[in-house]
Amino acid sequence: MNQPLVRCPWPGVDPLYVAYHDGEWGVPEFDARALYEKLVLDGFQAGLSWITILRKRENFRVAFEGFQPEKIARYGKRERDRLLANEGIVRSPAKIDAAIKGARLWLEIEAKEPGGFTHFIWKHVDGRPQVNHHRTIKSIKPKTAMSEKLAKELKQRGFNFCGPVIVYAFAQAIGMVNDHIVSCHRHAECERIAQSPPSSPRSL
């Protein structure tokens, strides 16, 4: 008889949450556009649960035109009003403004920083995922020195909704850190991926 898979307890039994945990969370992400999307969505999560955002993610992708920073950076009042009227997303004026502002900042970093936005993010772990070995979910801290440093740099650049707790959740999601508990079937798999990632940050 096959033994049931052991996984982190936080997804519960929600099929969408389980699929996210098993297929995305903790997998190293180096694509600059995808990093922008995840940072924006984590910003929208502020004060909410991640499953709330996850259930609306496809609506967000349609509303924000595939999270293409080049398009979003040009948004004006008409696009902002369209987003505020969209019941399929989180209609927070401050968070929508932060997403538009973030797209413009992303373009600046891509154009001026060696290695672009990917390097800007991943340099905080020297371009390699950090593998942690937590035995219980309780031992995982909500923020670390790394997330505090990254959050500070993001804020200095002008990003909003990027405090150290939000940034650490972002880092966990994009695989900068492997915070699957050691008994979870994804811990070893994400560790293997981290040892030979499909791509890597530029100029590291």
C-alpha atoms as a PDB file:
ATOM      1  CA  MET A   1       0.000   0.000   0.000  1.00  0.00           C
ATOM      2  CA  ASN A   2       1.349   3.415  -0.945  1.00  0.00           C
ATOM      3  CA  GLN A   3       1.998   5.697   1.981  1.00  0.00           C
ATOM      4  CA  PRO A   4       0.276   9.106   1.811  1.00  0.00           C
ATOM      5  CA  LEU A   5       2.565  12.001   1.028  1.00  0.00           C
ATOM      6  CA  VAL A   6       3.719  14.021   3.998  1.00  0.00           C
ATOM      7  CA  ARG A   7       3.617  17.756   3.418  1.00  0.00           C
ATOM      8  CA  CYS A   8       3.748  21.009   5.341  1.00  0.00           C
ATOM      9  CA  PRO A   9       0.537  21.470   7.340  1.00  0.00           C
ATOM     10  CA  TRP A  10      -0.365  24.961   6.119  1.00  0.00           C
ATOM     11  CA  PRO A  11      -2.130  23.996   2.819  1.00  0.00           C
ATOM     12  CA  GLY A  12      -4.621  21.846   4.692  1.00  0.00           C
ATOM     13  CA  VAL A  13      -6.808  19.901   2.257  1.00  0.00           C
ATOM     14  CA  ASP A  14      -7.790  22.729  -0.097  1.00  0.00           C
ATOM     15  CA  PRO A  15      -6.943  21.341  -3.572  1.00  0.00           C
ATOM     16  CA  LEU A  16      -5.791  24.726  -4.882  1.00  0.00           C
ATOM     17  CA  TYR A  17      -3.565  25.324  -1.871  1.00  0.00           C
ATOM     18  CA  VAL A  18      -2.158  21.782  -2.016  1.00  0.00           C
ATOM     19  CA  ALA A  19      -1.353  22.162  -5.721  1.00  0.00           C
ATOM     20  CA  TYR A  20       0.400  25.460  -5.018  1.00  0.00           C
ATOM     21  CA  HIS A  21       2.413  23.901  -2.196  1.00  0.00           C
ATOM     22  CA  ASP A  22       3.355  20.836  -4.233  1.00  0.00           C
ATOM     23  CA  GLY A  23       4.172  22.591  -7.493  1.00  0.00           C
ATOM     24  CA  GLU A  24       5.288  26.170  -6.847  1.00  0.00           C
ATOM     25  CA  TRP A  25       6.112  27.139  -3.279  1.00  0.00           C
ATOM     26  CA  GLY A  26       9.835  26.973  -2.624  1.00  0.00           C
ATOM     27  CA  VAL A  27      10.848  26.388  -6.253  1.00  0.00           C
ATOM     28  CA  PRO A  28      13.604  28.840  -7.301  1.00  0.00           C
ATOM     29  CA  GLU A  29      12.242  31.528  -9.621  1.00  0.00           C
ATOM     30  CA  PHE A  30      14.691  33.655 -11.614  1.00  0.00           C
ATOM     31  CA  ASP A  31      12.438  35.177 -14.258  1.00  0.00           C
ATOM     32  CA  ALA A  32      12.319  38.950 -13.681  1.00  0.00           C
ATOM     33  CA  ARG A  33       8.708  39.377 -14.801  1.00  0.00           C
ATOM     34  CA  ALA A  34       7.531  36.475 -12.641  1.00  0.00           C
ATOM     35  CA  LEU A  35       9.366  37.988  -9.662  1.00  0.00           C
ATOM     36  CA  TYR A  36       7.529  41.277 -10.203  1.00  0.00           C
ATOM     37  CA  GLU A  37       4.195  39.442 -10.338  1.00  0.00           C
ATOM     38  CA  LYS A  38       4.861  37.567  -7.116  1.00  0.00           C
ATOM     39  CA  LEU A  39       6.037  40.693  -5.313  1.00  0.00           C
ATOM     40  CA  VAL A  40       2.865  42.509  -6.379  1.00  0.00           C
ATOM     41  CA  LEU A  41       0.623  39.640  -5.292  1.00  0.00           C
ATOM     42  CA  ASP A  42       2.375  39.391  -1.938  1.00  0.00           C
ATOM     43  CA  GLY A  43       1.770  43.112  -1.529  1.00  0.00           C
ATOM     44  CA  PHE A  44      -1.932  42.578  -2.209  1.00  0.00           C
ATOM     45  CA  GLN A  45      -1.865  39.861   0.455  1.00  0.00           C
ATOM     46  CA  ALA A  46      -1.046  42.381   3.199  1.00  0.00           C
ATOM     47  CA  GLY A  47      -3.765  42.018   5.836  1.00  0.00           C
ATOM     48  CA  LEU A  48      -5.278  39.019   4.024  1.00  0.00           C
ATOM     49  CA  SER A  49      -4.573  35.297   3.746  1.00  0.00           C
ATOM     50  CA  TRP A  50      -2.542  33.957   0.832  1.00  0.00           C
ATOM     51  CA  ILE A  51      -5.319  31.554  -0.163  1.00  0.00           C
ATOM     52  CA  THR A  52      -7.550  34.602  -0.745  1.00  0.00           C
ATOM     53  CA  ILE A  53      -5.020  35.960  -3.244  1.00  0.00           C
ATOM     54  CA  LEU A  54      -4.401  32.537  -4.757  1.00  0.00           C
ATOM     55  CA  ARG A  55      -8.112  32.135  -5.516  1.00  0.00           C
ATOM     56  CA  LYS A  56      -8.078  35.486  -7.286  1.00  0.00           C
ATOM     57  CA  ARG A  57      -4.711  35.041  -9.020  1.00  0.00           C
ATOM     58  CA  GLU A  58      -6.087  34.353 -12.485  1.00  0.00           C
ATOM     59  CA  ASN A  59      -8.374  37.372 -12.152  1.00  0.00           C
ATOM     60  CA  PHE A  60      -5.338  39.458 -11.208  1.00  0.00           C
ATOM     61  CA  ARG A  61      -3.419  38.162 -14.227  1.00  0.00           C
ATOM     62  CA  VAL A  62      -6.204  39.152 -16.589  1.00  0.00           C
ATOM     63  CA  ALA A  63      -6.779  42.520 -14.914  1.00  0.00           C
ATOM     64  CA  PHE A  64      -3.063  43.378 -14.976  1.00  0.00           C
ATOM     65  CA  GLU A  65      -2.539  42.112 -18.532  1.00  0.00           C
ATOM     66  CA  GLY A  66      -0.285  39.229 -17.610  1.00  0.00           C
ATOM     67  CA  PHE A  67       1.722  41.354 -15.166  1.00  0.00           C
ATOM     68  CA  GLN A  68       3.810  42.835 -17.952  1.00  0.00           C
ATOM     69  CA  PRO A  69       5.634  45.743 -16.266  1.00  0.00           C
ATOM     70  CA  GLU A  70       6.113  47.522 -19.594  1.00  0.00           C
ATOM     71  CA  LYS A  71       2.316  47.835 -19.937  1.00  0.00           C
ATOM     72  CA  ILE A  72       1.491  48.483 -16.290  1.00  0.00           C
ATOM     73  CA  ALA A  73       4.069  51.269 -16.018  1.00  0.00           C
ATOM     74  CA  ARG A  74       2.006  53.255 -18.523  1.00  0.00           C
ATOM     75  CA  TYR A  75      -1.260  52.936 -16.576  1.00  0.00           C
ATOM     76  CA  GLY A  76      -3.069  56.179 -15.928  1.00  0.00           C
ATOM     77  CA  LYS A  77      -6.419  57.201 -14.451  1.00  0.00           C
ATOM     78  CA  ARG A  78      -8.491  55.153 -16.920  1.00  0.00           C
ATOM     79  CA  GLU A  79      -6.641  51.907 -16.146  1.00  0.00           C
ATOM     80  CA  ARG A  80      -6.614  52.652 -12.431  1.00  0.00           C
ATOM     81  CA  ASP A  81     -10.387  53.224 -12.459  1.00  0.00           C
ATOM     82  CA  ARG A  82     -10.837  49.987 -14.400  1.00  0.00           C
ATOM     83  CA  LEU A  83      -8.920  48.070 -11.741  1.00  0.00           C
ATOM     84  CA  LEU A  84     -10.835  49.722  -8.898  1.00  0.00           C
ATOM     85  CA  ALA A  85     -14.095  48.606 -10.512  1.00  0.00           C
ATOM     86  CA  ASN A  86     -12.932  44.990 -10.964  1.00  0.00           C
ATOM     87  CA  GLU A  87     -14.714  42.819  -8.387  1.00  0.00           C
ATOM     88  CA  GLY A  88     -12.468  39.869  -9.209  1.00  0.00           C
ATOM     89  CA  ILE A  89      -9.410  41.373  -7.540  1.00  0.00           C
ATOM     90  CA  VAL A  90      -8.620  43.154  -4.275  1.00  0.00           C
ATOM     91  CA  ARG A  91      -9.809  46.696  -4.939  1.00  0.00           C
ATOM     92  CA  SER A  92      -7.410  48.591  -2.707  1.00  0.00           C
ATOM     93  CA  PRO A  93      -6.427  51.986  -4.169  1.00  0.00           C
ATOM     94  CA  ALA A  94      -3.130  51.986  -2.259  1.00  0.00           C
ATOM     95  CA  LYS A  95      -2.198  48.478  -3.404  1.00  0.00           C
ATOM     96  CA  ILE A  96      -3.165  49.169  -7.014  1.00  0.00           C
ATOM     97  CA  ASP A  97      -1.072  52.340  -6.945  1.00  0.00           C
ATOM     98  CA  ALA A  98       1.825  50.333  -5.470  1.00  0.00           C
ATOM     99  CA  ALA A  99       1.612  47.802  -8.309  1.00  0.00           C
ATOM    100  CA  ILE A 100       1.733  50.553 -10.950  1.00  0.00           C
ATOM    101  CA  LYS A 101       4.577  52.338  -9.189  1.00  0.00           C
ATOM    102  CA  GLY A 102       6.388  49.029  -8.780  1.00  0.00           C
ATOM    103  CA  ALA A 103       6.226  48.419 -12.536  1.00  0.00           C
ATOM    104  CA  ARG A 104       7.969  51.728 -13.172  1.00  0.00           C
ATOM    105  CA  LEU A 105      10.611  50.946 -10.571  1.00  0.00           C
ATOM    106  CA  TRP A 106      11.063  47.478 -12.094  1.00  0.00           C
ATOM    107  CA  LEU A 107      11.769  49.072 -15.485  1.00  0.00           C
ATOM    108  CA  GLU A 108      14.364  51.386 -13.922  1.00  0.00           C
ATOM    109  CA  ILE A 109      16.128  48.488 -12.218  1.00  0.00           C
ATOM    110  CA  GLU A 110      16.034  46.344 -15.351  1.00  0.00           C
ATOM    111  CA  ALA A 111      17.564  49.181 -17.369  1.00  0.00           C
ATOM    112  CA  LYS A 112      20.185  50.406 -14.933  1.00  0.00           C
ATOM    113  CA  GLU A 113      21.181  47.575 -12.589  1.00  0.00           C
ATOM    114  CA  PRO A 114      23.706  44.932 -13.689  1.00  0.00           C
ATOM    115  CA  GLY A 115      21.720  41.709 -13.814  1.00  0.00           C
ATOM    116  CA  GLY A 116      18.412  43.568 -13.666  1.00  0.00           C
ATOM    117  CA  PHE A 117      15.602  42.850 -11.226  1.00  0.00           C
ATOM    118  CA  THR A 118      16.579  39.204 -10.838  1.00  0.00           C
ATOM    119  CA  HIS A 119      20.014  40.091  -9.514  1.00  0.00           C
ATOM    120  CA  PHE A 120      18.525  42.895  -7.420  1.00  0.00           C
ATOM    121  CA  ILE A 121      16.438  40.300  -5.556  1.00  0.00           C
ATOM    122  CA  TRP A 122      18.691  37.249  -5.544  1.00  0.00           C
ATOM    123  CA  LYS A 123      21.891  38.987  -4.498  1.00  0.00           C
ATOM    124  CA  HIS A 124      20.504  38.908  -0.959  1.00  0.00           C
ATOM    125  CA  VAL A 125      21.183  35.150  -0.843  1.00  0.00           C
ATOM    126  CA  ASP A 126      24.267  35.307  -3.103  1.00  0.00           C
ATOM    127  CA  GLY A 127      22.240  33.897  -5.983  1.00  0.00           C
ATOM    128  CA  ARG A 128      21.731  30.482  -4.362  1.00  0.00           C
ATOM    129  CA  PRO A 129      18.672  29.232  -2.461  1.00  0.00           C
ATOM    130  CA  GLN A 130      19.151  28.853   1.272  1.00  0.00           C
ATOM    131  CA  VAL A 131      18.106  25.413   2.468  1.00  0.00           C
ATOM    132  CA  ASN A 132      16.669  25.381   5.978  1.00  0.00           C
ATOM    133  CA  HIS A 133      15.936  22.291   8.027  1.00  0.00           C
ATOM    134  CA  HIS A 134      12.896  23.063  10.114  1.00  0.00           C
ATOM    135  CA  ARG A 135      11.215  20.122  11.801  1.00  0.00           C
ATOM    136  CA  THR A 136       8.015  21.966  12.673  1.00  0.00           C
ATOM    137  CA  ILE A 137       6.181  24.933  11.218  1.00  0.00           C
ATOM    138  CA  LYS A 138       6.483  26.702  14.573  1.00  0.00           C
ATOM    139  CA  SER A 139      10.251  26.994  14.227  1.00  0.00           C
ATOM    140  CA  ILE A 140       9.961  29.081  11.051  1.00  0.00           C
ATOM    141  CA  LYS A 141      10.320  32.773  11.818  1.00  0.00           C
ATOM    142  CA  PRO A 142       8.041  35.321  10.080  1.00  0.00           C
ATOM    143  CA  LYS A 143      11.051  37.448   9.106  1.00  0.00           C
ATOM    144  CA  THR A 144      14.829  37.200   9.079  1.00  0.00           C
ATOM    145  CA  ALA A 145      17.830  39.492   8.810  1.00  0.00           C
ATOM    146  CA  MET A 146      17.848  38.771   5.073  1.00  0.00           C
ATOM    147  CA  SER A 147      14.216  39.802   4.602  1.00  0.00           C
ATOM    148  CA  GLU A 148      14.762  42.924   6.675  1.00  0.00           C
ATOM    149  CA  LYS A 149      17.697  43.921   4.485  1.00  0.00           C
ATOM    150  CA  LEU A 150      15.809  43.216   1.246  1.00  0.00           C
ATOM    151  CA  ALA A 151      12.708  45.024   2.509  1.00  0.00           C
ATOM    152  CA  LYS A 152      14.827  48.047   3.408  1.00  0.00           C
ATOM    153  CA  GLU A 153      16.367  48.167  -0.065  1.00  0.00           C
ATOM    154  CA  LEU A 154      12.976  47.785  -1.753  1.00  0.00           C
ATOM    155  CA  LYS A 155      11.568  50.637   0.325  1.00  0.00           C
ATOM    156  CA  GLN A 156      14.592  52.808  -0.419  1.00  0.00           C
ATOM    157  CA  ARG A 157      13.924  52.269  -4.119  1.00  0.00           C
ATOM    158  CA  GLY A 158      10.327  53.362  -3.636  1.00  0.00           C
ATOM    159  CA  PHE A 159       8.394  50.081  -3.457  1.00  0.00           C
ATOM    160  CA  ASN A 160       5.389  49.884  -1.130  1.00  0.00           C
ATOM    161  CA  PHE A 161       3.766  47.005   0.771  1.00  0.00           C
ATOM    162  CA  CYS A 162       7.139  45.324   1.176  1.00  0.00           C
ATOM    163  CA  GLY A 163       7.798  45.055   4.899  1.00  0.00           C
ATOM    164  CA  PRO A 164      10.146  42.324   6.159  1.00  0.00           C
ATOM    165  CA  VAL A 165       7.298  39.860   6.872  1.00  0.00           C
ATOM    166  CA  ILE A 166       5.798  40.248   3.402  1.00  0.00           C
ATOM    167  CA  VAL A 167       9.259  40.049   1.868  1.00  0.00           C
ATOM    168  CA  TYR A 168      10.054  36.846   3.749  1.00  0.00           C
ATOM    169  CA  ALA A 169       6.834  35.267   2.474  1.00  0.00           C
ATOM    170  CA  PHE A 170       7.925  36.383  -1.002  1.00  0.00           C
ATOM    171  CA  ALA A 171      11.376  34.825  -0.466  1.00  0.00           C
ATOM    172  CA  GLN A 172       9.826  31.534   0.662  1.00  0.00           C
ATOM    173  CA  ALA A 173       7.487  31.445  -2.316  1.00  0.00           C
ATOM    174  CA  ILE A 174      10.178  32.101  -4.946  1.00  0.00           C
ATOM    175  CA  GLY A 175      12.611  29.606  -3.433  1.00  0.00           C
ATOM    176  CA  MET A 176      15.184  32.039  -2.095  1.00  0.00           C
ATOM    177  CA  VAL A 177      14.778  29.953   1.029  1.00  0.00           C
ATOM    178  CA  ASN A 178      13.548  26.376   1.322  1.00  0.00           C
ATOM    179  CA  ASP A 179      11.204  26.432   4.308  1.00  0.00           C
ATOM    180  CA  HIS A 180       9.422  23.173   3.682  1.00  0.00           C
ATOM    181  CA  ILE A 181       9.675  21.182   6.907  1.00  0.00           C
ATOM    182  CA  VAL A 182      12.164  18.330   6.589  1.00  0.00           C
ATOM    183  CA  SER A 183       9.482  15.628   6.709  1.00  0.00           C
ATOM    184  CA  CYS A 184       7.610  17.233   3.790  1.00  0.00           C
ATOM    185  CA  HIS A 185       8.073  15.420   0.499  1.00  0.00           C
ATOM    186  CA  ARG A 186       8.865  18.751  -1.187  1.00  0.00           C
ATOM    187  CA  HIS A 187      11.824  19.605   1.044  1.00  0.00           C
ATOM    188  CA  ALA A 188      14.209  17.164  -0.605  1.00  0.00           C
ATOM    189  CA  GLU A 189      12.856  17.919  -4.076  1.00  0.00           C
ATOM    190  CA  CYS A 190      13.307  21.679  -3.698  1.00  0.00           C
ATOM    191  CA  GLU A 191      16.766  21.077  -2.271  1.00  0.00           C
ATOM    192  CA  ARG A 192      17.639  19.011  -5.339  1.00  0.00           C
ATOM    193  CA  ILE A 193      16.351  21.752  -7.641  1.00  0.00           C
ATOM    194  CA  ALA A 194      18.364  24.338  -5.711  1.00  0.00           C
ATOM    195  CA  GLN A 195      21.571  22.389  -6.287  1.00  0.00           C
ATOM    196  CA  SER A 196      21.149  22.593 -10.052  1.00  0.00           C
ATOM    197  CA  PRO A 197      18.491  25.238 -10.832  1.00  0.00           C
ATOM    198  CA  PRO A 198      17.184  25.458 -14.394  1.00  0.00           C
ATOM    199  CA  SER A 199      18.484  29.012 -14.659  1.00  0.00           C
ATOM    200  CA  SER A 200      20.396  31.410 -12.488  1.00  0.00           C
ATOM    201  CA  PRO A 201      20.699  35.121 -11.796  1.00  0.00           C
ATOM    202  CA  ARG A 202      22.776  37.146 -14.203  1.00  0.00           C
ATOM    203  CA  SER A 203      26.081  38.676 -13.157  1.00  0.00           C
ATOM    204  CA  LEU A 204      26.443  36.687  -9.930  1.00  0.00           C
END
